[in-house]
mmCIF file of all heavy atoms, coordinates in Angstrom:
data_MODEL
# 
_entry.id   MODEL 
# 
loop_
_atom_site.group_PDB 
_atom_site.id 
_atom_site.type_symbol 
_atom_site.label_atom_id 
_atom_site.label_alt_id 
_atom_site.label_comp_id 
_atom_site.label_asym_id 
_atom_site.label_entity_id 
_atom_site.label_seq_id 
_atom_site.pdbx_PDB_ins_code 
_atom_site.Cartn_x 
_atom_site.Cartn_y 
_atom_site.Cartn_z 
_atom_site.occupancy 
_atom_site.B_iso_or_equiv 
_atom_site.pdbx_formal_charge 
_atom_site.auth_seq_id 
_atom_site.auth_comp_id 
_atom_site.auth_asym_id 
_atom_site.auth_atom_id 
_atom_site.pdbx_PDB_model_num 
ATOM 1   N N   . GLN A 1 1  ? 80.659  172.014 142.246 1.00 0.00 ? 1  GLN A N   1 
ATOM 2   C CA  . GLN A 1 1  ? 80.614  172.920 143.442 1.00 0.00 ? 1  GLN A CA  1 
ATOM 3   C C   . GLN A 1 1  ? 82.005  172.631 144.168 1.00 0.00 ? 1  GLN A C   1 
ATOM 4   O O   . GLN A 1 1  ? 82.677  171.686 144.022 1.00 0.00 ? 1  GLN A O   1 
ATOM 5   C CB  . GLN A 1 1  ? 79.425  172.596 144.325 1.00 0.00 ? 1  GLN A CB  1 
ATOM 6   C CG  . GLN A 1 1  ? 79.512  171.153 144.957 1.00 0.00 ? 1  GLN A CG  1 
ATOM 7   C CD  . GLN A 1 1  ? 78.208  170.811 145.609 1.00 0.00 ? 1  GLN A CD  1 
ATOM 8   O OE1 . GLN A 1 1  ? 77.173  171.005 144.973 1.00 0.00 ? 1  GLN A OE1 1 
ATOM 9   N NE2 . GLN A 1 1  ? 78.319  170.263 146.756 1.00 0.00 ? 1  GLN A NE2 1 
ATOM 10  N N   . LEU A 1 2  ? 82.290  173.720 145.084 1.00 0.00 ? 2  LEU A N   1 
ATOM 11  C CA  . LEU A 1 2  ? 83.489  173.507 145.829 1.00 0.00 ? 2  LEU A CA  1 
ATOM 12  C C   . LEU A 1 2  ? 83.283  172.530 146.892 1.00 0.00 ? 2  LEU A C   1 
ATOM 13  O O   . LEU A 1 2  ? 82.202  172.538 147.584 1.00 0.00 ? 2  LEU A O   1 
ATOM 14  C CB  . LEU A 1 2  ? 83.932  174.899 146.380 1.00 0.00 ? 2  LEU A CB  1 
ATOM 15  C CG  . LEU A 1 2  ? 84.178  176.030 145.370 1.00 0.00 ? 2  LEU A CG  1 
ATOM 16  C CD1 . LEU A 1 2  ? 84.487  177.266 146.169 1.00 0.00 ? 2  LEU A CD1 1 
ATOM 17  C CD2 . LEU A 1 2  ? 85.325  175.608 144.430 1.00 0.00 ? 2  LEU A CD2 1 
ATOM 18  N N   . SER A 1 3  ? 84.254  171.647 147.096 1.00 0.00 ? 3  SER A N   1 
ATOM 19  C CA  . SER A 1 3  ? 84.100  170.617 148.079 1.00 0.00 ? 3  SER A CA  1 
ATOM 20  C C   . SER A 1 3  ? 85.366  170.477 149.084 1.00 0.00 ? 3  SER A C   1 
ATOM 21  O O   . SER A 1 3  ? 85.254  169.703 149.974 1.00 0.00 ? 3  SER A O   1 
ATOM 22  C CB  . SER A 1 3  ? 83.839  169.272 147.506 1.00 0.00 ? 3  SER A CB  1 
ATOM 23  O OG  . SER A 1 3  ? 84.951  168.852 146.635 1.00 0.00 ? 3  SER A OG  1 
ATOM 24  N N   . ILE A 1 4  ? 86.412  171.252 148.723 1.00 0.00 ? 4  ILE A N   1 
ATOM 25  C CA  . ILE A 1 4  ? 87.564  171.251 149.592 1.00 0.00 ? 4  ILE A CA  1 
ATOM 26  C C   . ILE A 1 4  ? 87.235  172.124 150.814 1.00 0.00 ? 4  ILE A C   1 
ATOM 27  O O   . ILE A 1 4  ? 86.897  173.318 150.602 1.00 0.00 ? 4  ILE A O   1 
ATOM 28  C CB  . ILE A 1 4  ? 88.817  171.787 148.995 1.00 0.00 ? 4  ILE A CB  1 
ATOM 29  C CG1 . ILE A 1 4  ? 89.263  170.739 147.854 1.00 0.00 ? 4  ILE A CG1 1 
ATOM 30  C CG2 . ILE A 1 4  ? 89.911  171.909 149.953 1.00 0.00 ? 4  ILE A CG2 1 
ATOM 31  C CD1 . ILE A 1 4  ? 90.380  171.254 146.997 1.00 0.00 ? 4  ILE A CD1 1 
ATOM 32  N N   . THR A 1 5  ? 87.229  171.573 152.023 1.00 0.00 ? 5  THR A N   1 
ATOM 33  C CA  . THR A 1 5  ? 86.884  172.416 153.224 1.00 0.00 ? 5  THR A CA  1 
ATOM 34  C C   . THR A 1 5  ? 88.143  172.851 153.932 1.00 0.00 ? 5  THR A C   1 
ATOM 35  O O   . THR A 1 5  ? 88.812  173.751 153.526 1.00 0.00 ? 5  THR A O   1 
ATOM 36  C CB  . THR A 1 5  ? 85.899  171.651 154.152 1.00 0.00 ? 5  THR A CB  1 
ATOM 37  O OG1 . THR A 1 5  ? 86.476  170.366 154.416 1.00 0.00 ? 5  THR A OG1 1 
ATOM 38  C CG2 . THR A 1 5  ? 84.556  171.367 153.412 1.00 0.00 ? 5  THR A CG2 1 
ATOM 39  N N   . THR A 1 6  ? 88.547  172.158 154.933 1.00 0.00 ? 6  THR A N   1 
ATOM 40  C CA  . THR A 1 6  ? 89.632  172.599 155.779 1.00 0.00 ? 6  THR A CA  1 
ATOM 41  C C   . THR A 1 6  ? 90.977  171.787 155.528 1.00 0.00 ? 6  THR A C   1 
ATOM 42  O O   . THR A 1 6  ? 91.939  172.205 156.015 1.00 0.00 ? 6  THR A O   1 
ATOM 43  C CB  . THR A 1 6  ? 89.370  172.451 157.276 1.00 0.00 ? 6  THR A CB  1 
ATOM 44  O OG1 . THR A 1 6  ? 88.966  171.115 157.674 1.00 0.00 ? 6  THR A OG1 1 
ATOM 45  C CG2 . THR A 1 6  ? 88.150  173.348 157.654 1.00 0.00 ? 6  THR A CG2 1 
ATOM 46  N N   . LYS A 1 7  ? 90.855  170.655 154.811 1.00 0.00 ? 7  LYS A N   1 
ATOM 47  C CA  . LYS A 1 7  ? 92.066  169.951 154.552 1.00 0.00 ? 7  LYS A CA  1 
ATOM 48  C C   . LYS A 1 7  ? 92.714  170.477 153.204 1.00 0.00 ? 7  LYS A C   1 
ATOM 49  O O   . LYS A 1 7  ? 92.257  170.090 152.071 1.00 0.00 ? 7  LYS A O   1 
ATOM 50  C CB  . LYS A 1 7  ? 91.768  168.414 154.328 1.00 0.00 ? 7  LYS A CB  1 
ATOM 51  C CG  . LYS A 1 7  ? 92.977  167.585 154.121 1.00 0.00 ? 7  LYS A CG  1 
ATOM 52  C CD  . LYS A 1 7  ? 92.724  166.150 153.789 1.00 0.00 ? 7  LYS A CD  1 
ATOM 53  C CE  . LYS A 1 7  ? 93.930  165.347 153.516 1.00 0.00 ? 7  LYS A CE  1 
ATOM 54  N NZ  . LYS A 1 7  ? 94.806  165.810 152.557 1.00 0.00 ? 7  LYS A NZ  1 
ATOM 55  N N   . ILE A 1 8  ? 93.529  171.384 153.267 1.00 0.00 ? 8  ILE A N   1 
ATOM 56  C CA  . ILE A 1 8  ? 94.087  172.065 152.143 1.00 0.00 ? 8  ILE A CA  1 
ATOM 57  C C   . ILE A 1 8  ? 95.625  171.775 152.254 1.00 0.00 ? 8  ILE A C   1 
ATOM 58  O O   . ILE A 1 8  ? 96.290  172.099 153.208 1.00 0.00 ? 8  ILE A O   1 
ATOM 59  C CB  . ILE A 1 8  ? 93.926  173.547 152.119 1.00 0.00 ? 8  ILE A CB  1 
ATOM 60  C CG1 . ILE A 1 8  ? 92.341  173.855 152.155 1.00 0.00 ? 8  ILE A CG1 1 
ATOM 61  C CG2 . ILE A 1 8  ? 94.528  174.258 151.009 1.00 0.00 ? 8  ILE A CG2 1 
ATOM 62  C CD1 . ILE A 1 8  ? 91.993  175.304 152.489 1.00 0.00 ? 8  ILE A CD1 1 
ATOM 63  N N   . ASP A 1 9  ? 96.036  171.126 151.233 1.00 0.00 ? 9  ASP A N   1 
ATOM 64  C CA  . ASP A 1 9  ? 97.551  170.711 151.162 1.00 0.00 ? 9  ASP A CA  1 
ATOM 65  C C   . ASP A 1 9  ? 98.294  171.623 150.313 1.00 0.00 ? 9  ASP A C   1 
ATOM 66  O O   . ASP A 1 9  ? 99.515  171.751 150.532 1.00 0.00 ? 9  ASP A O   1 
ATOM 67  C CB  . ASP A 1 9  ? 97.649  169.250 150.660 1.00 0.00 ? 9  ASP A CB  1 
ATOM 68  C CG  . ASP A 1 9  ? 96.946  168.228 151.617 1.00 0.00 ? 9  ASP A CG  1 
ATOM 69  O OD1 . ASP A 1 9  ? 97.335  168.131 152.723 1.00 0.00 ? 9  ASP A OD1 1 
ATOM 70  O OD2 . ASP A 1 9  ? 95.952  167.656 151.144 1.00 0.00 ? 9  ASP A OD2 1 
ATOM 71  N N   . ARG A 1 10 ? 97.799  172.283 149.356 1.00 0.00 ? 10 ARG A N   1 
ATOM 72  C CA  . ARG A 1 10 ? 98.440  173.348 148.567 1.00 0.00 ? 10 ARG A CA  1 
ATOM 73  C C   . ARG A 1 10 ? 97.417  174.424 148.382 1.00 0.00 ? 10 ARG A C   1 
ATOM 74  O O   . ARG A 1 10 ? 96.203  174.208 148.242 1.00 0.00 ? 10 ARG A O   1 
ATOM 75  C CB  . ARG A 1 10 ? 99.046  172.859 147.340 1.00 0.00 ? 10 ARG A CB  1 
ATOM 76  C CG  . ARG A 1 10 ? 100.189 171.926 147.608 1.00 0.00 ? 10 ARG A CG  1 
ATOM 77  C CD  . ARG A 1 10 ? 100.933 171.532 146.333 1.00 0.00 ? 10 ARG A CD  1 
ATOM 78  N NE  . ARG A 1 10 ? 101.316 172.593 145.410 1.00 0.00 ? 10 ARG A NE  1 
ATOM 79  C CZ  . ARG A 1 10 ? 101.701 172.481 144.257 1.00 0.00 ? 10 ARG A CZ  1 
ATOM 80  N NH1 . ARG A 1 10 ? 101.844 171.254 143.709 1.00 0.00 ? 10 ARG A NH1 1 
ATOM 81  N NH2 . ARG A 1 10 ? 102.043 173.560 143.499 1.00 0.00 ? 10 ARG A NH2 1 
ATOM 82  N N   . GLU A 1 11 ? 97.876  175.682 148.247 1.00 0.00 ? 11 GLU A N   1 
ATOM 83  C CA  . GLU A 1 11 ? 96.897  176.810 147.995 1.00 0.00 ? 11 GLU A CA  1 
ATOM 84  C C   . GLU A 1 11 ? 97.593  177.926 147.364 1.00 0.00 ? 11 GLU A C   1 
ATOM 85  O O   . GLU A 1 11 ? 98.771  178.049 147.389 1.00 0.00 ? 11 GLU A O   1 
ATOM 86  C CB  . GLU A 1 11 ? 96.245  177.274 149.259 1.00 0.00 ? 11 GLU A CB  1 
ATOM 87  C CG  . GLU A 1 11 ? 97.270  177.843 150.253 1.00 0.00 ? 11 GLU A CG  1 
ATOM 88  C CD  . GLU A 1 11 ? 96.760  178.206 151.631 1.00 0.00 ? 11 GLU A CD  1 
ATOM 89  O OE1 . GLU A 1 11 ? 96.279  177.237 152.299 1.00 0.00 ? 11 GLU A OE1 1 
ATOM 90  O OE2 . GLU A 1 11 ? 96.781  179.306 152.036 1.00 0.00 ? 11 GLU A OE2 1 
ATOM 91  N N   . HIS A 1 12 ? 96.703  178.759 146.700 1.00 0.00 ? 12 HIS A N   1 
ATOM 92  C CA  . HIS A 1 12 ? 97.272  180.018 146.085 1.00 0.00 ? 12 HIS A CA  1 
ATOM 93  C C   . HIS A 1 12 ? 97.890  180.819 147.238 1.00 0.00 ? 12 HIS A C   1 
ATOM 94  O O   . HIS A 1 12 ? 97.353  180.882 148.327 1.00 0.00 ? 12 HIS A O   1 
ATOM 95  C CB  . HIS A 1 12 ? 96.148  180.750 145.464 1.00 0.00 ? 12 HIS A CB  1 
ATOM 96  C CG  . HIS A 1 12 ? 96.538  181.988 144.736 1.00 0.00 ? 12 HIS A CG  1 
ATOM 97  N ND1 . HIS A 1 12 ? 96.829  183.238 145.352 1.00 0.00 ? 12 HIS A ND1 1 
ATOM 98  C CD2 . HIS A 1 12 ? 96.633  182.277 143.412 1.00 0.00 ? 12 HIS A CD2 1 
ATOM 99  C CE1 . HIS A 1 12 ? 97.129  184.094 144.552 1.00 0.00 ? 12 HIS A CE1 1 
ATOM 100 N NE2 . HIS A 1 12 ? 97.017  183.646 143.296 1.00 0.00 ? 12 HIS A NE2 1 
ATOM 101 N N   . PRO A 1 13 ? 99.069  181.428 146.974 1.00 0.00 ? 13 PRO A N   1 
ATOM 102 C CA  . PRO A 1 13 ? 99.751  182.138 148.081 1.00 0.00 ? 13 PRO A CA  1 
ATOM 103 C C   . PRO A 1 13 ? 98.879  183.267 148.715 1.00 0.00 ? 13 PRO A C   1 
ATOM 104 O O   . PRO A 1 13 ? 99.223  183.721 149.801 1.00 0.00 ? 13 PRO A O   1 
ATOM 105 C CB  . PRO A 1 13 ? 101.036 182.648 147.369 1.00 0.00 ? 13 PRO A CB  1 
ATOM 106 C CG  . PRO A 1 13 ? 100.881 182.436 145.957 1.00 0.00 ? 13 PRO A CG  1 
ATOM 107 C CD  . PRO A 1 13 ? 99.811  181.497 145.715 1.00 0.00 ? 13 PRO A CD  1 
ATOM 108 N N   . GLU A 1 14 ? 97.908  183.818 147.966 1.00 0.00 ? 14 GLU A N   1 
ATOM 109 C CA  . GLU A 1 14 ? 97.147  184.939 148.501 1.00 0.00 ? 14 GLU A CA  1 
ATOM 110 C C   . GLU A 1 14 ? 95.705  184.553 148.816 1.00 0.00 ? 14 GLU A C   1 
ATOM 111 O O   . GLU A 1 14 ? 94.888  185.416 149.034 1.00 0.00 ? 14 GLU A O   1 
ATOM 112 C CB  . GLU A 1 14 ? 97.203  186.125 147.504 1.00 0.00 ? 14 GLU A CB  1 
ATOM 113 C CG  . GLU A 1 14 ? 98.559  186.675 147.212 1.00 0.00 ? 14 GLU A CG  1 
ATOM 114 C CD  . GLU A 1 14 ? 98.626  187.524 146.051 1.00 0.00 ? 14 GLU A CD  1 
ATOM 115 O OE1 . GLU A 1 14 ? 97.562  187.851 145.449 1.00 0.00 ? 14 GLU A OE1 1 
ATOM 116 O OE2 . GLU A 1 14 ? 99.760  187.827 145.582 1.00 0.00 ? 14 GLU A OE2 1 
ATOM 117 N N   . LEU A 1 15 ? 95.450  183.252 148.796 1.00 0.00 ? 15 LEU A N   1 
ATOM 118 C CA  . LEU A 1 15 ? 94.125  182.705 149.043 1.00 0.00 ? 15 LEU A CA  1 
ATOM 119 C C   . LEU A 1 15 ? 93.449  183.320 150.298 1.00 0.00 ? 15 LEU A C   1 
ATOM 120 O O   . LEU A 1 15 ? 92.344  183.859 150.108 1.00 0.00 ? 15 LEU A O   1 
ATOM 121 C CB  . LEU A 1 15 ? 94.172  181.165 149.173 1.00 0.00 ? 15 LEU A CB  1 
ATOM 122 C CG  . LEU A 1 15 ? 92.770  180.494 149.240 1.00 0.00 ? 15 LEU A CG  1 
ATOM 123 C CD1 . LEU A 1 15 ? 91.946  180.522 148.011 1.00 0.00 ? 15 LEU A CD1 1 
ATOM 124 C CD2 . LEU A 1 15 ? 93.022  179.118 149.692 1.00 0.00 ? 15 LEU A CD2 1 
ATOM 125 N N   . LYS A 1 16 ? 94.060  183.122 151.435 1.00 0.00 ? 16 LYS A N   1 
ATOM 126 C CA  . LYS A 1 16 ? 93.497  183.611 152.708 1.00 0.00 ? 16 LYS A CA  1 
ATOM 127 C C   . LYS A 1 16 ? 93.427  185.215 152.757 1.00 0.00 ? 16 LYS A C   1 
ATOM 128 O O   . LYS A 1 16 ? 92.556  185.713 153.296 1.00 0.00 ? 16 LYS A O   1 
ATOM 129 C CB  . LYS A 1 16 ? 94.161  183.033 153.857 1.00 0.00 ? 16 LYS A CB  1 
ATOM 130 C CG  . LYS A 1 16 ? 93.981  181.440 153.851 1.00 0.00 ? 16 LYS A CG  1 
ATOM 131 C CD  . LYS A 1 16 ? 94.880  180.803 154.943 1.00 0.00 ? 16 LYS A CD  1 
ATOM 132 C CE  . LYS A 1 16 ? 94.670  179.307 154.894 1.00 0.00 ? 16 LYS A CE  1 
ATOM 133 N NZ  . LYS A 1 16 ? 95.576  178.521 155.614 1.00 0.00 ? 16 LYS A NZ  1 
ATOM 134 N N   . GLU A 1 17 ? 94.488  185.763 152.338 1.00 0.00 ? 17 GLU A N   1 
ATOM 135 C CA  . GLU A 1 17 ? 94.522  187.193 152.432 1.00 0.00 ? 17 GLU A CA  1 
ATOM 136 C C   . GLU A 1 17 ? 93.474  187.933 151.541 1.00 0.00 ? 17 GLU A C   1 
ATOM 137 O O   . GLU A 1 17 ? 92.874  188.867 151.977 1.00 0.00 ? 17 GLU A O   1 
ATOM 138 C CB  . GLU A 1 17 ? 95.915  187.853 152.073 1.00 0.00 ? 17 GLU A CB  1 
ATOM 139 C CG  . GLU A 1 17 ? 97.004  187.656 153.132 1.00 0.00 ? 17 GLU A CG  1 
ATOM 140 C CD  . GLU A 1 17 ? 96.598  188.243 154.447 1.00 0.00 ? 17 GLU A CD  1 
ATOM 141 O OE1 . GLU A 1 17 ? 96.121  189.422 154.456 1.00 0.00 ? 17 GLU A OE1 1 
ATOM 142 O OE2 . GLU A 1 17 ? 96.704  187.477 155.477 1.00 0.00 ? 17 GLU A OE2 1 
ATOM 143 N N   . TYR A 1 18 ? 93.211  187.268 150.407 1.00 0.00 ? 18 TYR A N   1 
ATOM 144 C CA  . TYR A 1 18 ? 92.133  187.838 149.538 1.00 0.00 ? 18 TYR A CA  1 
ATOM 145 C C   . TYR A 1 18 ? 90.827  187.628 150.246 1.00 0.00 ? 18 TYR A C   1 
ATOM 146 O O   . TYR A 1 18 ? 89.987  188.535 150.199 1.00 0.00 ? 18 TYR A O   1 
ATOM 147 C CB  . TYR A 1 18 ? 92.194  187.192 148.157 1.00 0.00 ? 18 TYR A CB  1 
ATOM 148 C CG  . TYR A 1 18 ? 91.180  187.641 147.218 1.00 0.00 ? 18 TYR A CG  1 
ATOM 149 C CD1 . TYR A 1 18 ? 91.345  188.883 146.615 1.00 0.00 ? 18 TYR A CD1 1 
ATOM 150 C CD2 . TYR A 1 18 ? 90.032  186.887 146.886 1.00 0.00 ? 18 TYR A CD2 1 
ATOM 151 C CE1 . TYR A 1 18 ? 90.371  189.389 145.656 1.00 0.00 ? 18 TYR A CE1 1 
ATOM 152 C CE2 . TYR A 1 18 ? 89.035  187.364 146.021 1.00 0.00 ? 18 TYR A CE2 1 
ATOM 153 C CZ  . TYR A 1 18 ? 89.233  188.604 145.389 1.00 0.00 ? 18 TYR A CZ  1 
ATOM 154 O OH  . TYR A 1 18 ? 88.303  189.076 144.515 1.00 0.00 ? 18 TYR A OH  1 
ATOM 155 N N   . ALA A 1 19 ? 90.606  186.495 150.803 1.00 0.00 ? 19 ALA A N   1 
ATOM 156 C CA  . ALA A 1 19 ? 89.288  186.244 151.555 1.00 0.00 ? 19 ALA A CA  1 
ATOM 157 C C   . ALA A 1 19 ? 89.062  187.287 152.701 1.00 0.00 ? 19 ALA A C   1 
ATOM 158 O O   . ALA A 1 19 ? 88.048  187.741 152.806 1.00 0.00 ? 19 ALA A O   1 
ATOM 159 C CB  . ALA A 1 19 ? 89.264  184.798 151.920 1.00 0.00 ? 19 ALA A CB  1 
ATOM 160 N N   . LYS A 1 20 ? 90.180  187.574 153.323 1.00 0.00 ? 20 LYS A N   1 
ATOM 161 C CA  . LYS A 1 20 ? 90.024  188.554 154.484 1.00 0.00 ? 20 LYS A CA  1 
ATOM 162 C C   . LYS A 1 20 ? 89.786  189.952 153.915 1.00 0.00 ? 20 LYS A C   1 
ATOM 163 O O   . LYS A 1 20 ? 88.992  190.683 154.479 1.00 0.00 ? 20 LYS A O   1 
ATOM 164 C CB  . LYS A 1 20 ? 91.408  188.551 155.257 1.00 0.00 ? 20 LYS A CB  1 
ATOM 165 C CG  . LYS A 1 20 ? 91.409  187.477 156.289 1.00 0.00 ? 20 LYS A CG  1 
ATOM 166 C CD  . LYS A 1 20 ? 92.739  187.249 157.041 1.00 0.00 ? 20 LYS A CD  1 
ATOM 167 C CE  . LYS A 1 20 ? 93.509  188.397 157.528 1.00 0.00 ? 20 LYS A CE  1 
ATOM 168 N NZ  . LYS A 1 20 ? 94.653  187.961 158.406 1.00 0.00 ? 20 LYS A NZ  1 
ATOM 169 N N   . SER A 1 21 ? 90.406  190.269 152.765 1.00 0.00 ? 21 SER A N   1 
ATOM 170 C CA  . SER A 1 21 ? 90.227  191.611 152.151 1.00 0.00 ? 21 SER A CA  1 
ATOM 171 C C   . SER A 1 21 ? 88.774  191.846 151.744 1.00 0.00 ? 21 SER A C   1 
ATOM 172 O O   . SER A 1 21 ? 88.296  192.912 151.677 1.00 0.00 ? 21 SER A O   1 
ATOM 173 C CB  . SER A 1 21 ? 91.202  191.854 151.096 1.00 0.00 ? 21 SER A CB  1 
ATOM 174 O OG  . SER A 1 21 ? 90.849  191.189 149.880 1.00 0.00 ? 21 SER A OG  1 
ATOM 175 N N   . LYS A 1 22 ? 88.109  190.767 151.388 1.00 0.00 ? 22 LYS A N   1 
ATOM 176 C CA  . LYS A 1 22 ? 86.716  190.818 150.894 1.00 0.00 ? 22 LYS A CA  1 
ATOM 177 C C   . LYS A 1 22 ? 85.686  190.691 152.011 1.00 0.00 ? 22 LYS A C   1 
ATOM 178 O O   . LYS A 1 22 ? 84.580  190.746 151.736 1.00 0.00 ? 22 LYS A O   1 
ATOM 179 C CB  . LYS A 1 22 ? 86.472  189.653 149.880 1.00 0.00 ? 22 LYS A CB  1 
ATOM 180 C CG  . LYS A 1 22 ? 87.212  189.910 148.533 1.00 0.00 ? 22 LYS A CG  1 
ATOM 181 C CD  . LYS A 1 22 ? 86.584  191.074 147.914 1.00 0.00 ? 22 LYS A CD  1 
ATOM 182 C CE  . LYS A 1 22 ? 87.062  191.111 146.405 1.00 0.00 ? 22 LYS A CE  1 
ATOM 183 N NZ  . LYS A 1 22 ? 86.491  192.329 145.735 1.00 0.00 ? 22 LYS A NZ  1 
ATOM 184 N N   . GLY A 1 23 ? 86.301  190.435 153.239 1.00 0.00 ? 23 GLY A N   1 
ATOM 185 C CA  . GLY A 1 23 ? 85.279  190.237 154.446 1.00 0.00 ? 23 GLY A CA  1 
ATOM 186 C C   . GLY A 1 23 ? 84.652  188.818 154.492 1.00 0.00 ? 23 GLY A C   1 
ATOM 187 O O   . GLY A 1 23 ? 83.756  188.633 155.189 1.00 0.00 ? 23 GLY A O   1 
ATOM 188 N N   . TRP A 1 24 ? 85.167  187.912 153.660 1.00 0.00 ? 24 TRP A N   1 
ATOM 189 C CA  . TRP A 1 24 ? 84.607  186.546 153.685 1.00 0.00 ? 24 TRP A CA  1 
ATOM 190 C C   . TRP A 1 24 ? 85.104  185.668 154.843 1.00 0.00 ? 24 TRP A C   1 
ATOM 191 O O   . TRP A 1 24 ? 84.633  184.648 155.113 1.00 0.00 ? 24 TRP A O   1 
ATOM 192 C CB  . TRP A 1 24 ? 84.993  185.786 152.370 1.00 0.00 ? 24 TRP A CB  1 
ATOM 193 C CG  . TRP A 1 24 ? 84.449  186.521 151.087 1.00 0.00 ? 24 TRP A CG  1 
ATOM 194 C CD1 . TRP A 1 24 ? 83.477  187.456 151.056 1.00 0.00 ? 24 TRP A CD1 1 
ATOM 195 C CD2 . TRP A 1 24 ? 84.993  186.366 149.798 1.00 0.00 ? 24 TRP A CD2 1 
ATOM 196 N NE1 . TRP A 1 24 ? 83.311  187.842 149.750 1.00 0.00 ? 24 TRP A NE1 1 
ATOM 197 C CE2 . TRP A 1 24 ? 84.226  187.196 148.922 1.00 0.00 ? 24 TRP A CE2 1 
ATOM 198 C CE3 . TRP A 1 24 ? 85.976  185.552 149.318 1.00 0.00 ? 24 TRP A CE3 1 
ATOM 199 C CZ2 . TRP A 1 24 ? 84.453  187.238 147.604 1.00 0.00 ? 24 TRP A CZ2 1 
ATOM 200 C CZ3 . TRP A 1 24 ? 86.208  185.642 147.955 1.00 0.00 ? 24 TRP A CZ3 1 
ATOM 201 C CH2 . TRP A 1 24 ? 85.468  186.479 147.090 1.00 0.00 ? 24 TRP A CH2 1 
ATOM 202 N N   . TRP A 1 25 ? 86.277  186.019 155.347 1.00 0.00 ? 25 TRP A N   1 
ATOM 203 C CA  . TRP A 1 25 ? 86.966  185.239 156.456 1.00 0.00 ? 25 TRP A CA  1 
ATOM 204 C C   . TRP A 1 25 ? 87.540  186.229 157.480 1.00 0.00 ? 25 TRP A C   1 
ATOM 205 O O   . TRP A 1 25 ? 88.239  187.153 157.069 1.00 0.00 ? 25 TRP A O   1 
ATOM 206 C CB  . TRP A 1 25 ? 87.981  184.295 155.828 1.00 0.00 ? 25 TRP A CB  1 
ATOM 207 C CG  . TRP A 1 25 ? 88.745  183.419 156.734 1.00 0.00 ? 25 TRP A CG  1 
ATOM 208 C CD1 . TRP A 1 25 ? 88.206  182.551 157.672 1.00 0.00 ? 25 TRP A CD1 1 
ATOM 209 C CD2 . TRP A 1 25 ? 90.095  183.420 156.915 1.00 0.00 ? 25 TRP A CD2 1 
ATOM 210 N NE1 . TRP A 1 25 ? 89.200  181.839 158.345 1.00 0.00 ? 25 TRP A NE1 1 
ATOM 211 C CE2 . TRP A 1 25 ? 90.464  182.394 157.939 1.00 0.00 ? 25 TRP A CE2 1 
ATOM 212 C CE3 . TRP A 1 25 ? 91.231  184.015 156.366 1.00 0.00 ? 25 TRP A CE3 1 
ATOM 213 C CZ2 . TRP A 1 25 ? 91.706  182.122 158.394 1.00 0.00 ? 25 TRP A CZ2 1 
ATOM 214 C CZ3 . TRP A 1 25 ? 92.509  183.750 156.730 1.00 0.00 ? 25 TRP A CZ3 1 
ATOM 215 C CH2 . TRP A 1 25 ? 92.738  182.768 157.715 1.00 0.00 ? 25 TRP A CH2 1 
ATOM 216 N N   . ASP A 1 26 ? 87.357  186.052 158.683 1.00 0.00 ? 26 ASP A N   1 
ATOM 217 C CA  . ASP A 1 26 ? 87.857  186.819 159.744 1.00 0.00 ? 26 ASP A CA  1 
ATOM 218 C C   . ASP A 1 26 ? 89.342  186.636 160.139 1.00 0.00 ? 26 ASP A C   1 
ATOM 219 O O   . ASP A 1 26 ? 89.958  187.405 160.895 1.00 0.00 ? 26 ASP A O   1 
ATOM 220 C CB  . ASP A 1 26 ? 87.041  186.824 160.903 1.00 0.00 ? 26 ASP A CB  1 
ATOM 221 C CG  . ASP A 1 26 ? 86.991  185.534 161.691 1.00 0.00 ? 26 ASP A CG  1 
ATOM 222 O OD1 . ASP A 1 26 ? 87.818  184.631 161.346 1.00 0.00 ? 26 ASP A OD1 1 
ATOM 223 O OD2 . ASP A 1 26 ? 86.159  185.403 162.626 1.00 0.00 ? 26 ASP A OD2 1 
# 
């Protein structure tokens, strides 16, 4: 299961934008 919460040290460059486009994150 996913366990990384808010401590993210590296990420996919479009991780947050994709989540916003899907309505998962405001």
